[in-house]
């Protein structure tokens, strides 16, 4: 065998070995790429699943917040309407026809159970003082009531001073006293009974 043949044989063997190594390297590279693709697909699938779960949790959470916010807005509106009702009731009493309003003032004095005192009227009711005294003398003959020079900024009703004690029978005070007892009843009338 000549040197050329030996050299040629070595080159052929080397080329065959190189082709085999390259082929094996390509196969390993493809295997690595396939494995990487599988891992990438799993990572993407896991991320999509986690993202969907997170999105679903956020949607549920945001819906819950929206429901609570909606209930709070509804409650605020209901409370506003209830306040308007109490305001309208105060207005109705304050603007009642003269005879009914006088009956109301007399009933306020009687309800205090006092035998006398100084009656302080709302500024708007100052002109009713003498008529109120006449009615009180007729209905409570033993009563010793006077009308004070002092007047207050009240929507209506009156105050009675008995020595150093004041009895507040203003419309505002009466409304506040009844508010706790009547709020549920007013809400029931406005919105129906709700569980």
Protein backbone atom coordinates (compact mmCIF):
# COMPACT_ATOMS: atom_id res chain seq x y z
CA UNK A 1 0.00 0.00 0.00
CA UNK A 2 1.33 3.26 -0.96
CA UNK A 3 1.49 6.32 1.19
CA UNK A 4 -1.11 7.98 -0.90
CA UNK A 5 -3.48 5.12 -0.42
CA UNK A 6 -2.78 5.10 3.30
CA UNK A 7 -3.26 8.87 3.49
CA UNK A 8 -6.43 8.61 1.46
CA UNK A 9 -7.69 5.80 3.72
CA UNK A 10 -6.91 7.87 6.85
CA UNK A 11 -8.68 10.86 5.34
CA UNK A 12 -11.72 8.72 4.45
CA UNK A 13 -11.78 7.18 7.92
CA UNK A 14 -11.35 10.62 9.50
CA UNK A 15 -14.11 12.04 7.31
CA UNK A 16 -16.38 9.11 8.14
CA UNK A 17 -15.61 9.55 11.83
CA UNK A 18 -16.19 13.32 11.55
CA UNK A 19 -19.49 12.70 9.73
CA UNK A 20 -20.45 10.21 12.44
CA UNK A 21 -19.53 12.72 15.18
CA UNK A 22 -21.39 15.51 13.39
CA UNK A 23 -24.39 13.23 12.89
CA UNK A 24 -24.32 12.27 16.56
CA UNK A 25 -23.92 15.94 17.55
CA UNK A 26 -26.87 16.92 15.31
CA UNK A 27 -28.96 14.13 16.84
CA UNK A 28 -28.02 15.29 20.36
CA UNK A 29 -28.72 18.91 19.36
CA UNK A 30 -32.16 17.91 18.06
CA UNK A 31 -32.80 15.93 21.22
CA UNK A 32 -31.81 18.98 23.28
CA UNK A 33 -34.03 21.23 21.14
CA UNK A 34 -36.96 18.80 21.47
CA UNK A 35 -36.46 18.61 25.24
CA UNK A 36 -36.16 22.40 25.43
CA UNK A 37 -39.36 22.75 23.39
CA UNK A 38 -41.16 20.32 25.71
CA UNK A 39 -39.92 22.26 28.74
CA UNK A 40 -40.87 25.57 27.12
CA UNK A 41 -44.34 24.25 26.27
CA UNK A 42 -44.77 23.01 29.85
CA UNK A 43 -43.56 26.33 31.26
CA UNK A 44 -45.95 28.19 28.93
CA UNK A 45 -48.83 25.85 29.78
CA UNK A 46 -48.11 26.19 33.51
CA UNK A 47 -47.83 29.96 33.16
CA UNK A 48 -51.12 30.10 31.21
CA UNK A 49 -52.80 27.91 33.83
CA UNK A 50 -51.38 30.00 36.67
CA UNK A 51 -52.33 33.18 34.79
CA UNK A 52 -55.87 31.86 34.27
CA UNK A 53 -56.13 30.92 37.95
CA UNK A 54 -54.77 34.32 38.98
CA UNK A 55 -57.12 36.02 36.52
CA UNK A 56 -60.07 33.99 37.84
CA UNK A 57 -59.12 34.83 41.43
CA UNK A 58 -58.81 38.51 40.51
CA UNK A 59 -62.16 38.43 38.72
CA UNK A 60 -63.81 36.79 41.74
CA UNK A 61 -62.09 39.23 44.07
CA UNK A 62 -63.04 42.24 41.96
CA UNK A 63 -66.62 41.01 41.66
CA UNK A 64 -66.78 40.64 45.44
CA UNK A 65 -65.42 44.17 45.87
CA UNK A 66 -67.91 45.44 43.28
CA UNK A 67 -70.77 43.70 45.09
CA UNK A 68 -69.68 45.22 48.40
CA UNK A 69 -69.27 48.64 46.79
CA UNK A 70 -72.69 48.28 45.21
CA UNK A 71 -74.23 47.36 48.54
CA UNK A 72 -72.51 50.31 50.19
CA UNK A 73 -73.83 52.70 47.51
CA UNK A 74 -77.32 51.20 47.87
CA UNK A 75 -77.15 51.48 51.65
CA UNK A 76 -75.97 55.09 51.43
CA UNK A 77 -78.84 55.92 49.07
CA UNK A 78 -81.33 54.17 51.35
CA UNK A 79 -80.00 56.09 54.35
CA UNK A 80 -80.24 59.30 52.33
CA UNK A 81 -83.89 58.53 51.50
CA UNK A 82 -84.64 57.72 55.14
CA UNK A 83 -83.06 61.04 56.17
CA UNK A 84 -85.20 62.79 53.57
CA UNK A 85 -88.28 61.14 55.08
CA UNK A 86 -87.42 62.36 58.56
CA UNK A 87 -86.66 65.81 57.11
CA UNK A 88 -90.01 65.82 55.31
CA UNK A 89 -91.78 64.80 58.53
CA UNK A 90 -90.12 67.67 60.40
CA UNK A 91 -91.12 70.02 57.60
CA UNK A 92 -94.69 68.75 57.62
CA UNK A 93 -95.04 69.32 61.37
CA UNK A 94 -93.35 72.72 61.19
CA UNK A 95 -95.62 73.82 58.33
CA UNK A 96 -98.84 72.33 59.73
CA UNK A 97 -102.00 74.49 59.63
CA UNK A 98 -102.13 76.96 62.55
CA UNK A 99 -104.78 75.12 64.61
CA UNK A 100 -103.07 71.73 64.27
CA UNK A 101 -99.71 73.25 65.05
CA UNK A 102 -101.13 74.89 68.18
CA UNK A 103 -102.58 71.51 69.24
CA UNK A 104 -99.12 70.06 68.70
CA UNK A 105 -97.45 72.71 70.91
CA UNK A 106 -100.02 72.19 73.69
CA UNK A 107 -99.50 68.42 73.53
CA UNK A 108 -95.72 68.94 73.83
CA UNK A 109 -96.16 70.95 77.04
CA UNK A 110 -98.63 68.42 78.49
CA UNK A 111 -96.32 65.50 77.60
CA UNK A 112 -93.59 66.93 79.85
CA UNK A 113 -95.86 66.47 82.90
CA UNK A 114 -94.82 69.80 84.39
CA UNK A 115 -97.00 72.10 86.45
CA UNK A 116 -95.18 75.19 85.30
CA UNK A 117 -92.15 76.64 83.64
CA UNK A 118 -90.87 79.15 81.15
CA UNK A 119 -91.65 78.24 77.54
CA UNK A 120 -89.03 79.14 74.98
CA UNK A 121 -90.44 79.18 71.44
CA UNK A 122 -88.82 78.95 68.05
CA UNK A 123 -88.23 82.36 66.47
CA UNK A 124 -90.78 81.57 63.79
CA UNK A 125 -93.39 80.80 66.48
CA UNK A 126 -92.85 83.94 68.60
CA UNK A 127 -96.26 85.35 67.61
CA UNK A 128 -98.00 82.23 68.97
CA UNK A 129 -96.93 82.84 72.58
CA UNK A 130 -100.09 84.52 73.88
CA UNK A 131 -102.42 82.06 72.17
CA UNK A 132 -100.40 79.15 73.56
CA UNK A 133 -100.66 80.55 77.11
CA UNK A 134 -104.46 80.91 76.72
CA UNK A 135 -104.77 77.29 75.56
CA UNK A 136 -102.54 76.05 78.38
CA UNK A 137 -104.57 77.96 81.01
CA UNK A 138 -107.76 76.44 79.59
CA UNK A 139 -106.38 72.88 79.47
CA UNK A 140 -104.07 72.98 82.51
CA UNK A 141 -105.80 75.46 84.88
CA UNK A 142 -103.38 74.80 87.72
CA UNK A 143 -100.35 75.26 85.43
CA UNK A 144 -98.06 78.23 85.90
CA UNK A 145 -96.45 78.72 82.53
CA UNK A 146 -94.94 81.85 81.07
CA UNK A 147 -93.53 82.68 77.65
CA UNK A 148 -89.85 83.58 77.65
CA UNK A 149 -88.48 86.64 75.90
CA UNK A 150 -85.75 84.29 74.66
CA UNK A 151 -86.31 82.60 71.32
CA UNK A 152 -84.30 79.86 69.64
CA UNK A 153 -83.46 78.86 66.10
CA UNK A 154 -85.62 75.75 66.00
CA UNK A 155 -87.60 74.28 63.10
CA UNK A 156 -90.53 74.11 65.48
CA UNK A 157 -91.63 72.84 68.86
CA UNK A 158 -90.40 74.44 72.07
CA UNK A 159 -88.18 74.24 75.12
CA UNK A 160 -89.39 74.49 78.71
CA UNK A 161 -87.12 75.87 81.38
CA UNK A 162 -88.02 74.76 84.89
CA UNK A 163 -85.45 76.40 87.17
CA UNK A 164 -82.06 75.30 85.81
CA UNK A 165 -83.51 72.31 83.95
CA UNK A 166 -84.40 72.47 80.26
CA UNK A 167 -86.89 70.11 78.62
CA UNK A 168 -86.22 69.94 74.91
CA UNK A 169 -89.44 69.40 72.98
CA UNK A 170 -88.17 70.82 69.69
CA UNK A 171 -89.14 69.03 66.50
CA UNK A 172 -85.47 68.24 65.92
CA UNK A 173 -85.06 66.61 69.35
CA UNK A 174 -88.32 64.68 69.00
CA UNK A 175 -87.22 63.46 65.58
CA UNK A 176 -83.86 62.31 66.95
CA UNK A 177 -85.57 60.50 69.84
CA UNK A 178 -87.86 58.64 67.45
CA UNK A 179 -85.22 58.00 64.79
CA UNK A 180 -83.74 54.88 66.41
CA UNK A 181 -87.16 53.35 67.02
CA UNK A 182 -88.63 54.27 63.66
CA UNK A 183 -85.74 53.88 61.19
CA UNK A 184 -86.44 50.18 60.63
CA UNK A 185 -90.15 50.88 60.20
CA UNK A 186 -89.51 53.71 57.73
CA UNK A 187 -87.03 51.50 55.82
CA UNK A 188 -89.65 48.74 55.71
CA UNK A 189 -92.21 51.15 54.25
CA UNK A 190 -89.77 52.50 51.69
CA UNK A 191 -87.97 49.34 50.63
CA UNK A 192 -90.11 46.47 51.87
CA UNK A 193 -88.98 43.92 54.39
CA UNK A 194 -85.61 42.54 53.38
CA UNK A 195 -83.69 39.68 54.89
